[in-house]
Amino acid sequence: MAPSRNARRFGGAVAACTVAASGYFAVSGLVDPGGLVVGGGQAASRTYAAYMAIRGVVLLGALVWLLAVRAWRPLGLLLALNGAVQLGDAVIGAVHGQVPQTAGPVVFAVALFAAARPLGGLTANPEERPT
């Protein structure tokens, strides 16, 4: 049984927003690491930004692919995993006392988990999909 049309649309919208926002930061980190982090122009920072960008491209590409092939449950799982990453980012922002770097990821995490749940991404058994 497929998730409702509204759940699919919301999941798709959240996936698209995640791809846009995370893609922006991945490209920004490659183009100008110093714009995101002080001292980012150094070779080590550029290399690290490249490693992180590749990981982002793979995960964001998977979001786009799963959305395109309408693999709803795997999309829900990947949305949930991205939500967990956003929660981790929020913790880092909070530890460093950066309100925008805390609030933004929390908002994304809530949206990601809210989109993942009706797609079945947070259930252990595919038949236990919420209604």
N, C-alpha and C. Protein backbone atom coordinates (compact mmCIF):
# COMPACT_ATOMS: atom_id res chain seq x y z
N MET A 1 0.83 -1.18 0.00
CA MET A 1 0.00 0.00 0.00
C MET A 1 0.88 1.25 0.00
N ALA A 2 0.65 2.11 -0.96
CA ALA A 2 1.46 3.33 -1.10
C ALA A 2 1.00 4.39 -0.10
N PRO A 3 1.92 5.25 0.32
CA PRO A 3 1.53 6.35 1.21
C PRO A 3 0.54 7.28 0.49
N SER A 4 -0.16 8.08 1.25
CA SER A 4 -1.13 9.00 0.66
C SER A 4 -0.44 9.99 -0.28
N ARG A 5 -1.24 10.57 -1.14
CA ARG A 5 -0.71 11.56 -2.09
C ARG A 5 -0.10 12.74 -1.34
N ASN A 6 -0.77 13.19 -0.27
CA ASN A 6 -0.23 14.31 0.52
C ASN A 6 1.11 13.95 1.15
N ALA A 7 1.24 12.73 1.66
CA ALA A 7 2.51 12.29 2.26
C ALA A 7 3.60 12.27 1.20
N ARG A 8 3.28 11.79 0.01
CA ARG A 8 4.27 11.74 -1.08
C ARG A 8 4.68 13.15 -1.50
N ARG A 9 3.71 14.04 -1.58
CA ARG A 9 4.02 15.43 -1.97
C ARG A 9 4.88 16.12 -0.91
N PHE A 10 4.49 15.94 0.36
CA PHE A 10 5.25 16.56 1.44
C PHE A 10 6.67 15.98 1.47
N GLY A 11 6.79 14.66 1.35
CA GLY A 11 8.11 14.03 1.32
C GLY A 11 8.94 14.55 0.16
N GLY A 12 8.32 14.70 -0.99
CA GLY A 12 9.04 15.23 -2.15
C GLY A 12 9.48 16.67 -1.95
N ALA A 13 8.61 17.47 -1.36
CA ALA A 13 8.96 18.87 -1.11
C ALA A 13 10.11 18.98 -0.11
N VAL A 14 10.05 18.18 0.95
CA VAL A 14 11.12 18.21 1.95
C VAL A 14 12.43 17.70 1.33
N ALA A 15 12.35 16.66 0.52
CA ALA A 15 13.55 16.16 -0.16
C ALA A 15 14.13 17.24 -1.07
N ALA A 16 13.28 17.94 -1.83
CA ALA A 16 13.76 18.99 -2.73
C ALA A 16 14.41 20.13 -1.95
N CYS A 17 13.80 20.53 -0.84
CA CYS A 17 14.39 21.59 -0.01
C CYS A 17 15.72 21.15 0.58
N THR A 18 15.81 19.90 0.98
CA THR A 18 17.05 19.37 1.53
C THR A 18 18.15 19.37 0.47
N VAL A 19 17.80 18.93 -0.73
CA VAL A 19 18.78 18.92 -1.83
C VAL A 19 19.25 20.35 -2.12
N ALA A 20 18.32 21.29 -2.18
CA ALA A 20 18.69 22.68 -2.48
C ALA A 20 19.58 23.28 -1.38
N ALA A 21 19.17 23.15 -0.13
CA ALA A 21 19.94 23.76 0.96
C ALA A 21 21.29 23.07 1.15
N SER A 22 21.29 21.75 1.21
CA SER A 22 22.54 21.03 1.42
C SER A 22 23.45 21.16 0.21
N GLY A 23 22.87 21.16 -0.96
CA GLY A 23 23.66 21.35 -2.18
C GLY A 23 24.33 22.71 -2.20
N TYR A 24 23.59 23.74 -1.76
CA TYR A 24 24.16 25.08 -1.68
C TYR A 24 25.38 25.10 -0.77
N PHE A 25 25.25 24.51 0.42
CA PHE A 25 26.37 24.52 1.36
C PHE A 25 27.54 23.67 0.87
N ALA A 26 27.25 22.59 0.17
CA ALA A 26 28.33 21.76 -0.38
C ALA A 26 29.13 22.55 -1.42
N VAL A 27 28.42 23.22 -2.31
CA VAL A 27 29.09 24.01 -3.35
C VAL A 27 29.81 25.21 -2.71
N SER A 28 29.16 25.88 -1.75
CA SER A 28 29.79 27.01 -1.08
C SER A 28 31.08 26.60 -0.38
N GLY A 29 31.05 25.44 0.25
CA GLY A 29 32.24 24.94 0.94
C GLY A 29 33.38 24.66 -0.01
N LEU A 30 33.05 24.22 -1.22
CA LEU A 30 34.10 23.97 -2.22
C LEU A 30 34.64 25.26 -2.82
N VAL A 31 33.73 26.17 -3.15
CA VAL A 31 34.12 27.40 -3.83
C VAL A 31 34.85 28.36 -2.88
N ASP A 32 34.32 28.50 -1.67
CA ASP A 32 34.91 29.46 -0.72
C ASP A 32 34.82 28.93 0.70
N PRO A 33 35.70 27.98 1.07
CA PRO A 33 35.65 27.43 2.42
C PRO A 33 35.80 28.51 3.49
N GLY A 34 36.52 29.56 3.20
CA GLY A 34 36.71 30.65 4.15
C GLY A 34 35.43 31.43 4.40
N GLY A 35 34.48 31.33 3.48
CA GLY A 35 33.20 32.00 3.67
C GLY A 35 32.33 31.32 4.71
N LEU A 36 32.56 30.05 4.92
CA LEU A 36 31.79 29.30 5.90
C LEU A 36 32.52 29.17 7.23
N VAL A 37 33.85 29.06 7.18
CA VAL A 37 34.65 28.84 8.38
C VAL A 37 35.90 29.69 8.28
N VAL A 38 36.23 30.39 9.35
CA VAL A 38 37.45 31.20 9.38
C VAL A 38 38.65 30.30 9.13
N GLY A 39 39.54 30.72 8.27
CA GLY A 39 40.72 29.93 7.93
C GLY A 39 40.42 28.85 6.91
N GLY A 40 39.28 28.96 6.28
CA GLY A 40 38.85 27.92 5.34
C GLY A 40 39.61 27.90 4.04
N GLY A 41 40.44 28.90 3.79
CA GLY A 41 41.19 28.92 2.55
C GLY A 41 42.42 28.03 2.57
N GLN A 42 42.75 27.47 3.70
CA GLN A 42 43.93 26.63 3.82
C GLN A 42 43.72 25.30 3.10
N ALA A 43 44.80 24.65 2.71
CA ALA A 43 44.72 23.40 1.94
C ALA A 43 43.93 22.32 2.68
N ALA A 44 44.15 22.17 3.97
CA ALA A 44 43.44 21.12 4.72
C ALA A 44 41.94 21.38 4.73
N SER A 45 41.56 22.64 4.88
CA SER A 45 40.13 22.97 4.87
C SER A 45 39.51 22.71 3.51
N ARG A 46 40.23 23.01 2.45
CA ARG A 46 39.73 22.77 1.10
C ARG A 46 39.57 21.27 0.84
N THR A 47 40.53 20.49 1.30
CA THR A 47 40.44 19.04 1.12
C THR A 47 39.25 18.48 1.90
N TYR A 48 39.09 18.93 3.12
CA TYR A 48 37.97 18.47 3.94
C TYR A 48 36.64 18.86 3.30
N ALA A 49 36.56 20.07 2.79
CA ALA A 49 35.33 20.53 2.11
C ALA A 49 35.03 19.65 0.91
N ALA A 50 36.06 19.24 0.18
CA ALA A 50 35.86 18.36 -0.98
C ALA A 50 35.34 16.99 -0.54
N TYR A 51 35.89 16.43 0.53
CA TYR A 51 35.40 15.15 1.05
C TYR A 51 33.93 15.26 1.46
N MET A 52 33.59 16.32 2.15
CA MET A 52 32.22 16.50 2.61
C MET A 52 31.27 16.72 1.43
N ALA A 53 31.72 17.43 0.41
CA ALA A 53 30.89 17.68 -0.76
C ALA A 53 30.58 16.38 -1.50
N ILE A 54 31.55 15.50 -1.62
CA ILE A 54 31.32 14.22 -2.30
C ILE A 54 30.28 13.41 -1.54
N ARG A 55 30.40 13.36 -0.23
CA ARG A 55 29.40 12.64 0.57
C ARG A 55 28.01 13.25 0.40
N GLY A 56 27.96 14.56 0.37
CA GLY A 56 26.69 15.24 0.17
C GLY A 56 26.09 14.95 -1.19
N VAL A 57 26.92 14.95 -2.22
CA VAL A 57 26.43 14.67 -3.58
C VAL A 57 25.84 13.27 -3.66
N VAL A 58 26.50 12.31 -3.05
CA VAL A 58 26.00 10.93 -3.08
C VAL A 58 24.66 10.84 -2.35
N LEU A 59 24.58 11.39 -1.15
CA LEU A 59 23.33 11.31 -0.38
C LEU A 59 22.21 12.12 -1.02
N LEU A 60 22.53 13.29 -1.51
CA LEU A 60 21.50 14.11 -2.16
C LEU A 60 21.08 13.48 -3.48
N GLY A 61 22.04 12.89 -4.18
CA GLY A 61 21.69 12.17 -5.41
C GLY A 61 20.76 11.01 -5.13
N ALA A 62 20.99 10.33 -4.02
CA ALA A 62 20.11 9.22 -3.63
C ALA A 62 18.71 9.73 -3.34
N LEU A 63 18.60 10.88 -2.68
CA LEU A 63 17.27 11.47 -2.43
C LEU A 63 16.55 11.73 -3.74
N VAL A 64 17.25 12.34 -4.68
CA VAL A 64 16.64 12.65 -5.98
C VAL A 64 16.24 11.36 -6.70
N TRP A 65 17.12 10.37 -6.69
CA TRP A 65 16.84 9.10 -7.37
C TRP A 65 15.63 8.39 -6.76
N LEU A 66 15.61 8.27 -5.45
CA LEU A 66 14.49 7.60 -4.79
C LEU A 66 13.18 8.32 -5.03
N LEU A 67 13.24 9.63 -5.08
CA LEU A 67 12.03 10.41 -5.38
C LEU A 67 11.60 10.17 -6.83
N ALA A 68 12.56 10.15 -7.74
CA ALA A 68 12.25 9.96 -9.16
C ALA A 68 11.64 8.59 -9.44
N VAL A 69 12.14 7.55 -8.77
CA VAL A 69 11.62 6.20 -9.02
C VAL A 69 10.47 5.85 -8.08
N ARG A 70 10.08 6.81 -7.26
CA ARG A 70 8.96 6.66 -6.34
C ARG A 70 9.12 5.48 -5.38
N ALA A 71 10.33 5.36 -4.86
CA ALA A 71 10.63 4.34 -3.86
C ALA A 71 10.36 4.98 -2.49
N TRP A 72 9.10 4.98 -2.08
CA TRP A 72 8.66 5.78 -0.94
C TRP A 72 9.27 5.36 0.38
N ARG A 73 9.27 4.07 0.68
CA ARG A 73 9.81 3.64 1.98
C ARG A 73 11.32 3.91 2.07
N PRO A 74 12.12 3.54 1.04
CA PRO A 74 13.54 3.90 1.11
C PRO A 74 13.76 5.41 1.17
N LEU A 75 12.92 6.18 0.47
CA LEU A 75 13.02 7.63 0.56
C LEU A 75 12.76 8.08 1.99
N GLY A 76 11.74 7.49 2.62
CA GLY A 76 11.44 7.83 4.02
C GLY A 76 12.62 7.53 4.93
N LEU A 77 13.26 6.39 4.71
CA LEU A 77 14.43 6.04 5.53
C LEU A 77 15.56 7.05 5.32
N LEU A 78 15.82 7.43 4.07
CA LEU A 78 16.89 8.39 3.80
C LEU A 78 16.54 9.77 4.36
N LEU A 79 15.27 10.14 4.31
CA LEU A 79 14.85 11.39 4.95
C LEU A 79 15.10 11.34 6.45
N ALA A 80 14.78 10.21 7.08
CA ALA A 80 15.01 10.05 8.52
C ALA A 80 16.50 10.14 8.85
N LEU A 81 17.33 9.52 8.03
CA LEU A 81 18.78 9.59 8.26
C LEU A 81 19.29 11.02 8.10
N ASN A 82 18.77 11.74 7.12
CA ASN A 82 19.13 13.14 6.97
C ASN A 82 18.65 13.96 8.17
N GLY A 83 17.50 13.59 8.73
CA GLY A 83 17.02 14.25 9.94
C GLY A 83 17.97 14.05 11.10
N ALA A 84 18.50 12.84 11.22
CA ALA A 84 19.48 12.55 12.27
C ALA A 84 20.75 13.38 12.09
N VAL A 85 21.18 13.53 10.85
CA VAL A 85 22.35 14.37 10.57
C VAL A 85 22.06 15.82 10.97
N GLN A 86 20.87 16.31 10.65
CA GLN A 86 20.51 17.68 11.01
C GLN A 86 20.49 17.87 12.53
N LEU A 87 20.01 16.86 13.26
CA LEU A 87 20.05 16.95 14.72
C LEU A 87 21.49 17.04 15.22
N GLY A 88 22.37 16.26 14.61
CA GLY A 88 23.79 16.35 14.96
C GLY A 88 24.35 17.73 14.67
N ASP A 89 23.97 18.30 13.52
CA ASP A 89 24.41 19.66 13.19
C ASP A 89 23.89 20.67 14.22
N ALA A 90 22.65 20.47 14.67
CA ALA A 90 22.06 21.37 15.67
C ALA A 90 22.83 21.29 16.99
N VAL A 91 23.25 20.10 17.37
CA VAL A 91 24.04 19.94 18.60
C VAL A 91 25.36 20.69 18.47
N ILE A 92 26.00 20.57 17.32
CA ILE A 92 27.27 21.29 17.10
C ILE A 92 27.03 22.79 17.19
N GLY A 93 25.96 23.28 16.56
CA GLY A 93 25.64 24.70 16.64
C GLY A 93 25.39 25.15 18.06
N ALA A 94 24.67 24.33 18.83
CA ALA A 94 24.37 24.68 20.23
C ALA A 94 25.63 24.70 21.07
N VAL A 95 26.50 23.72 20.88
CA VAL A 95 27.75 23.66 21.65
C VAL A 95 28.59 24.90 21.40
N HIS A 96 28.55 25.41 20.18
CA HIS A 96 29.34 26.59 19.83
C HIS A 96 28.57 27.90 20.05
N GLY A 97 27.36 27.81 20.60
CA GLY A 97 26.58 29.00 20.91
C GLY A 97 26.12 29.76 19.68
N GLN A 98 25.91 29.08 18.58
CA GLN A 98 25.49 29.71 17.33
C GLN A 98 24.00 29.44 17.11
N VAL A 99 23.19 30.45 17.38
CA VAL A 99 21.74 30.29 17.30
C VAL A 99 21.27 29.92 15.89
N PRO A 100 21.70 30.61 14.83
CA PRO A 100 21.22 30.23 13.50
C PRO A 100 21.64 28.82 13.10
N GLN A 101 22.85 28.40 13.49
CA GLN A 101 23.35 27.07 13.17
C GLN A 101 22.72 26.00 14.05
N THR A 102 21.95 26.42 15.02
CA THR A 102 21.17 25.49 15.84
C THR A 102 19.73 25.45 15.36
N ALA A 103 19.13 26.60 15.20
CA ALA A 103 17.71 26.68 14.83
C ALA A 103 17.44 26.13 13.43
N GLY A 104 18.27 26.47 12.48
CA GLY A 104 18.06 25.99 11.10
C GLY A 104 18.04 24.47 11.01
N PRO A 105 19.06 23.80 11.53
CA PRO A 105 19.05 22.35 11.49
C PRO A 105 17.90 21.72 12.27
N VAL A 106 17.48 22.33 13.38
CA VAL A 106 16.34 21.79 14.14
C VAL A 106 15.08 21.84 13.27
N VAL A 107 14.86 22.95 12.59
CA VAL A 107 13.69 23.08 11.71
C VAL A 107 13.75 22.02 10.61
N PHE A 108 14.91 21.86 9.98
CA PHE A 108 15.06 20.85 8.94
C PHE A 108 14.84 19.45 9.51
N ALA A 109 15.37 19.17 10.70
CA ALA A 109 15.21 17.85 11.30
C ALA A 109 13.74 17.53 11.53
N VAL A 110 13.01 18.49 12.06
CA VAL A 110 11.57 18.28 12.31
C VAL A 110 10.86 17.99 10.99
N ALA A 111 11.14 18.78 9.97
CA ALA A 111 10.50 18.57 8.66
C ALA A 111 10.88 17.21 8.08
N LEU A 112 12.14 16.84 8.19
CA LEU A 112 12.60 15.56 7.65
C LEU A 112 11.94 14.38 8.36
N PHE A 113 11.88 14.43 9.69
CA PHE A 113 11.22 13.35 10.42
C PHE A 113 9.72 13.31 10.14
N ALA A 114 9.11 14.50 10.02
CA ALA A 114 7.68 14.56 9.71
C ALA A 114 7.39 14.00 8.33
N ALA A 115 8.29 14.18 7.39
CA ALA A 115 8.11 13.63 6.04
C ALA A 115 8.42 12.13 6.01
N ALA A 116 9.38 11.70 6.81
CA ALA A 116 9.80 10.29 6.81
C ALA A 116 8.73 9.38 7.39
N ARG A 117 8.06 9.83 8.42
CA ARG A 117 7.12 8.96 9.12
C ARG A 117 6.00 8.43 8.24
N PRO A 118 5.25 9.27 7.53
CA PRO A 118 4.16 8.71 6.72
C PRO A 118 4.63 7.91 5.51
N LEU A 119 5.90 8.06 5.14
CA LEU A 119 6.44 7.27 4.03
C LEU A 119 6.91 5.90 4.52
N GLY A 120 6.88 5.67 5.80
CA GLY A 120 7.29 4.39 6.36
C GLY A 120 8.76 4.32 6.68
N GLY A 121 9.45 5.45 6.67
CA GLY A 121 10.89 5.47 6.92
C GLY A 121 11.28 5.30 8.36
N LEU A 122 10.32 5.38 9.28
CA LEU A 122 10.63 5.25 10.71
C LEU A 122 10.03 4.00 11.33
N THR A 123 9.54 3.08 10.49
CA THR A 123 8.95 1.85 11.00
C THR A 123 9.86 0.67 10.71
N ALA A 124 9.86 -0.28 11.61
CA ALA A 124 10.70 -1.46 11.44
C ALA A 124 10.09 -2.44 10.45
N ASN A 125 8.78 -2.46 10.35
CA ASN A 125 8.08 -3.42 9.51
C ASN A 125 7.30 -2.65 8.43
N PRO A 126 7.48 -2.96 7.15
CA PRO A 126 6.80 -2.21 6.10
C PRO A 126 5.28 -2.21 6.26
N GLU A 127 4.71 -3.26 6.85
CA GLU A 127 3.27 -3.32 7.01
C GLU A 127 2.77 -2.40 8.11
N GLU A 128 3.66 -1.87 8.95
CA GLU A 128 3.30 -1.00 10.06
C GLU A 128 3.29 0.47 9.65
N ARG A 129 3.10 0.74 8.39
CA ARG A 129 3.10 2.11 7.92
C ARG A 129 1.97 2.89 8.59
N PRO A 130 2.27 4.08 9.12
CA PRO A 130 1.22 4.87 9.77
C PRO A 130 0.15 5.27 8.77
N THR A 131 -1.06 5.51 9.27
CA THR A 131 -2.14 5.95 8.40
C THR A 131 -2.37 7.42 8.50
